[in-house]
Protein backbone atom coordinates (compact mmCIF):
# COMPACT_ATOMS: atom_id res chain seq x y z
CA MET A 1 126.76 86.39 121.05
CA GLY A 2 126.86 90.50 120.70
CA GLU A 3 125.38 92.87 118.56
CA GLY A 4 128.30 92.20 115.77
CA GLU A 5 127.60 88.47 115.55
CA VAL A 6 124.07 89.21 115.00
CA ARG A 7 124.72 91.84 112.58
CA GLN A 8 126.80 89.17 110.57
CA TYR A 9 124.16 86.42 110.73
CA LEU A 10 121.68 88.98 109.53
CA LEU A 11 124.03 89.70 106.40
CA TYR A 12 124.68 86.01 105.96
CA LEU A 13 120.60 85.60 105.46
CA LEU A 14 120.82 88.38 102.74
CA ASP A 15 124.24 87.86 101.11
CA GLU A 16 124.53 84.03 101.00
CA LYS A 17 121.01 82.56 101.82
CA LYS A 18 118.96 85.21 99.53
CA VAL A 19 115.91 85.32 101.82
CA SER A 20 113.50 87.57 100.70
CA ARG A 21 112.82 90.77 102.94
CA ALA A 22 109.97 89.68 104.87
CA HIS A 23 111.69 86.51 105.72
CA HIS A 24 114.79 89.03 106.84
CA ASN A 25 112.25 91.14 108.87
CA GLN A 26 110.61 87.93 110.67
CA ALA A 27 114.46 86.81 111.59
CA VAL A 28 115.16 90.46 113.16
CA SER A 29 111.93 90.37 115.13
CA ALA A 30 112.58 86.88 116.44
CA LEU A 31 116.06 88.13 117.31
CA LYS A 32 114.88 90.98 119.37
CA PHE A 33 112.15 89.03 121.13
CA TYR A 34 114.70 86.50 122.24
CA TYR A 35 117.42 89.05 123.47
CA GLN A 36 114.81 91.55 125.17
CA ARG A 37 112.43 88.90 126.48
CA VAL A 38 114.36 85.75 126.99
CA LEU A 39 117.95 86.75 127.67
CA ARG A 40 117.11 90.38 128.92
CA GLN A 41 119.62 91.96 127.18
CA PRO A 42 117.92 94.36 124.88
CA VAL A 43 120.82 96.73 124.43
CA LYS A 44 122.27 94.36 122.05
CA VAL A 45 119.78 94.28 119.62
CA GLU A 46 118.39 98.04 119.98
CA GLU A 47 119.91 99.15 116.91
CA LEU A 48 119.33 96.55 114.41
CA PRO A 49 118.14 97.77 111.01
CA ARG A 50 115.12 96.55 109.39
CA PRO A 51 115.03 96.02 105.81
CA ARG A 52 113.03 98.31 103.48
CA SER A 53 109.71 96.56 102.46
CA GLU A 54 109.58 95.68 98.72
CA LYS A 55 106.97 97.35 96.76
CA LYS A 56 106.11 94.72 94.28
CA LEU A 57 103.14 95.29 91.71
CA PRO A 58 100.52 92.38 91.63
CA VAL A 59 100.62 90.20 88.51
CA VAL A 60 97.25 90.93 86.53
CA LEU A 61 95.90 88.75 83.79
CA SER A 62 94.63 90.51 80.79
CA ARG A 63 91.05 90.31 79.74
CA PRO A 64 91.89 87.65 76.79
CA GLU A 65 93.81 85.70 79.27
CA VAL A 66 91.02 85.69 81.69
CA LEU A 67 88.71 84.08 78.65
CA ARG A 68 91.29 81.66 77.87
CA LEU A 69 91.51 80.63 81.43
CA PHE A 70 87.80 79.99 81.55
CA ALA A 71 87.54 78.35 78.16
CA ALA A 72 89.92 75.49 79.35
CA LEU A 73 87.89 74.35 82.44
CA GLY A 74 85.60 71.60 81.45
CA ASN A 75 84.38 70.99 84.74
CA LEU A 76 80.90 73.09 85.38
CA LYS A 77 82.12 72.87 89.23
CA HIS A 78 85.38 74.51 88.66
CA LYS A 79 84.18 77.05 86.09
CA ALA A 80 81.65 78.16 88.45
CA LEU A 81 83.84 78.67 91.24
CA LEU A 82 86.82 80.42 89.14
CA MET A 83 84.29 82.73 87.59
CA LEU A 84 82.92 83.98 90.89
CA ALA A 85 85.83 84.37 92.33
CA TYR A 86 87.28 86.57 89.43
CA SER A 87 83.73 88.44 88.66
CA ALA A 88 83.08 89.21 92.52
CA GLY A 89 86.67 89.83 93.48
CA LEU A 90 86.64 87.06 96.23
CA ARG A 91 89.61 86.01 98.12
CA VAL A 92 90.12 82.01 97.80
CA SER A 93 89.13 81.50 101.45
CA GLU A 94 85.92 83.25 100.97
CA VAL A 95 84.61 81.61 97.65
CA VAL A 96 85.25 78.11 99.00
CA ARG A 97 83.35 79.24 102.37
CA LEU A 98 80.07 80.38 99.89
CA LYS A 99 76.93 79.07 101.23
CA VAL A 100 74.10 78.47 98.96
CA GLY A 101 72.10 81.01 100.69
CA ASP A 102 74.83 83.79 100.45
CA ILE A 103 73.69 84.19 96.64
CA ASP A 104 71.25 86.49 96.04
CA SER A 105 70.28 86.34 92.45
CA GLU A 106 67.21 88.63 92.95
CA ARG A 107 69.26 91.83 93.98
CA GLY A 108 72.48 90.63 92.23
CA LEU A 109 74.32 90.30 94.99
CA ILE A 110 76.91 87.98 96.85
CA ARG A 111 77.04 88.17 100.67
CA VAL A 112 80.66 87.30 101.99
CA PHE A 113 79.89 86.24 105.62
CA ARG A 114 82.75 87.19 108.44
CA ALA A 115 85.59 87.79 105.49
CA LYS A 116 89.20 88.98 106.55
CA GLY A 117 88.83 91.06 109.54
CA ARG A 118 85.82 89.00 110.29
CA LYS A 119 83.44 91.46 108.34
CA ASP A 120 80.69 91.11 106.46
CA ARG A 121 80.37 92.57 103.08
CA TYR A 122 78.46 92.27 99.69
CA THR A 123 79.90 92.47 96.51
CA PRO A 124 78.03 92.29 92.77
CA LEU A 125 77.00 88.97 91.20
CA SER A 126 77.78 89.07 87.65
CA GLN A 127 74.99 87.68 85.44
CA VAL A 128 77.34 85.57 83.24
CA ALA A 129 78.51 84.01 86.37
CA LEU A 130 75.06 83.58 87.69
CA GLU A 131 74.03 81.80 84.59
CA VAL A 132 76.97 79.34 85.01
CA LEU A 133 76.04 79.13 88.36
CA ARG A 134 72.54 77.92 87.76
CA ALA A 135 73.82 75.44 85.29
CA TYR A 136 76.22 74.11 88.15
CA TRP A 137 73.31 73.85 90.68
CA LYS A 138 70.96 71.99 88.25
CA ALA A 139 73.57 69.42 87.49
CA CYS A 140 74.90 68.89 90.97
CA ARG A 141 72.18 70.25 93.48
CA PRO A 142 74.61 71.49 96.29
CA VAL A 143 73.06 71.78 99.70
CA GLY A 144 75.01 73.77 102.17
CA TRP A 145 78.05 74.58 101.00
CA LEU A 146 78.04 76.11 97.53
CA PHE A 147 81.15 74.30 96.59
CA PRO A 148 81.45 71.22 98.96
CA GLY A 149 84.40 68.85 99.05
CA ALA A 150 84.95 65.09 98.89
CA HIS A 151 82.61 65.06 102.06
CA PRO A 152 79.14 66.94 101.74
CA ASP A 153 79.36 68.64 105.44
CA GLN A 154 82.90 70.59 104.11
CA HIS A 155 83.75 72.76 101.72
CA LEU A 156 86.18 72.52 99.14
CA SER A 157 89.72 73.02 100.24
CA LYS A 158 91.90 76.20 99.21
CA ARG A 159 94.69 73.62 98.29
CA ALA A 160 92.11 71.58 95.98
CA VAL A 161 91.44 75.17 94.39
CA GLN A 162 94.70 75.95 93.52
CA LYS A 163 95.30 72.55 91.82
CA VAL A 164 92.34 73.08 89.70
CA LEU A 165 93.72 76.78 89.01
CA ALA A 166 97.17 75.23 87.74
CA GLN A 167 95.87 72.42 85.66
CA ALA A 168 93.30 75.11 83.93
CA ARG A 169 96.44 77.34 83.73
CA GLN A 170 98.53 74.82 81.89
CA LYS A 171 95.67 73.78 79.71
CA ALA A 172 95.16 77.19 78.85
CA GLY A 173 98.68 77.50 77.51
CA LEU A 174 99.06 80.37 80.00
CA HIS A 175 102.83 81.04 80.86
CA LYS A 176 102.37 83.56 83.56
CA HIS A 177 102.75 82.49 87.01
CA PHE A 178 99.56 83.20 88.93
CA THR A 179 97.61 82.11 92.13
CA MET A 180 93.78 82.41 92.72
CA HIS A 181 94.71 86.02 94.51
CA THR A 182 95.59 86.93 90.89
CA LEU A 183 92.10 86.65 89.82
CA ARG A 184 91.17 89.16 92.79
CA HIS A 185 93.91 91.45 91.25
CA SER A 186 92.36 91.28 87.75
CA PHE A 187 89.12 92.11 89.20
CA ALA A 188 90.51 95.42 90.93
CA THR A 189 92.32 96.34 88.10
CA HIS A 190 89.72 95.57 85.48
CA MET A 191 87.23 97.70 87.48
CA LEU A 192 89.76 100.51 87.55
CA GLU A 193 90.15 100.61 83.89
CA ASP A 194 86.47 100.50 83.30
CA GLY A 195 86.36 103.92 85.27
CA THR A 196 84.93 102.37 88.82
CA ASP A 197 85.64 104.75 91.26
CA VAL A 198 88.05 103.51 93.59
CA ARG A 199 86.38 103.97 96.73
CA TYR A 200 83.75 101.49 95.29
CA VAL A 201 86.42 99.12 94.47
CA GLN A 202 87.98 99.19 98.08
CA GLU A 203 84.37 98.58 99.49
CA MET A 204 83.87 95.50 97.12
CA LEU A 205 87.22 94.09 97.89
CA GLY A 206 86.51 94.80 101.85
CA HIS A 207 90.00 96.66 102.36
CA SER A 208 90.09 98.69 105.38
CA ARG A 209 92.35 101.32 104.00
CA PRO A 210 92.11 103.07 100.69
CA GLU A 211 95.89 102.59 100.42
CA THR A 212 95.77 99.21 99.63
CA THR A 213 93.34 99.48 96.75
CA MET A 214 95.45 102.25 95.21
CA ILE A 215 98.29 99.75 94.40
CA TYR A 216 95.83 98.40 91.46
CA THR A 217 96.02 102.02 90.16
CA HIS A 218 99.60 101.68 88.99
CA VAL A 219 98.88 98.55 87.05
CA THR A 220 95.86 99.83 85.06
CA GLN A 221 96.20 100.36 81.35
CA LYS A 222 93.37 103.02 81.05
CA ASP A 223 95.76 106.06 81.33
CA VAL A 224 98.82 104.24 80.12
CA ARG A 225 97.76 103.74 76.64
CA ARG A 226 97.10 107.21 76.29
CA ILE A 227 100.58 108.02 76.62
CA ARG A 228 103.04 108.18 73.45
CA SER A 229 106.40 106.92 73.50
CA PRO A 230 108.85 109.30 71.91
CA LEU A 231 110.47 106.57 69.73
CA ASP A 232 106.93 106.77 67.95
CA ASN A 233 107.21 110.26 67.46
CA ILE A 234 110.86 109.82 66.21
CA ILE A 235 110.35 106.91 63.75
CA PRO A 236 106.85 106.73 61.97
CA LYS A 237 105.04 103.24 62.11
CA GLY A 238 105.99 101.09 59.37
CA GLU A 239 109.53 102.30 58.92
CA PRO A 240 112.42 100.46 59.90
């Protein structure tokens, strides 16, 4: 097969299979590797175009939605885990790997050990989350892992946490489709809405590049709420 057939296949993925841009980009990379490294025919794939990356804004929960989610959690362990994840902007892989010693209640900090990129960082410990965490600790007395799984020597799995979140979402009657990472998105957005400098938010999230954190400035309501729609200037409130 030559370049023409390869291009037809890539168009087939987009037009008929309706694959995502990320999936399509992986297909281009795989074909280039195959032709360049295996077949030694790089000329056939040199001009293959890559799809433009999609610029999607993250799903963010409103503050009332966050409260409804927490109110739907009856299990103390699950409530402490989700509260801690939201209040500190933790990834699900980070919150399940927390150990009891990572909670520094005296200094009001959480140590995130070897996070993404194998970097340690500190993030603030919410006093509200700490109260729930203390109640959970008194009831369950975890040793080692803060949130152990079925076996005490293993931490809770990411899959189990996502299942807990899905059940709480359904019980709370929230119709948005969201994951654990949405709590992290919501933390960052709410922090920026409260006036926290984007550089501090970047540090708390553990982002290596400020551009990654800047995406949350596009979903905050802090400045958008001040903008008045032209329709409100044309038709006074209360009139049809």
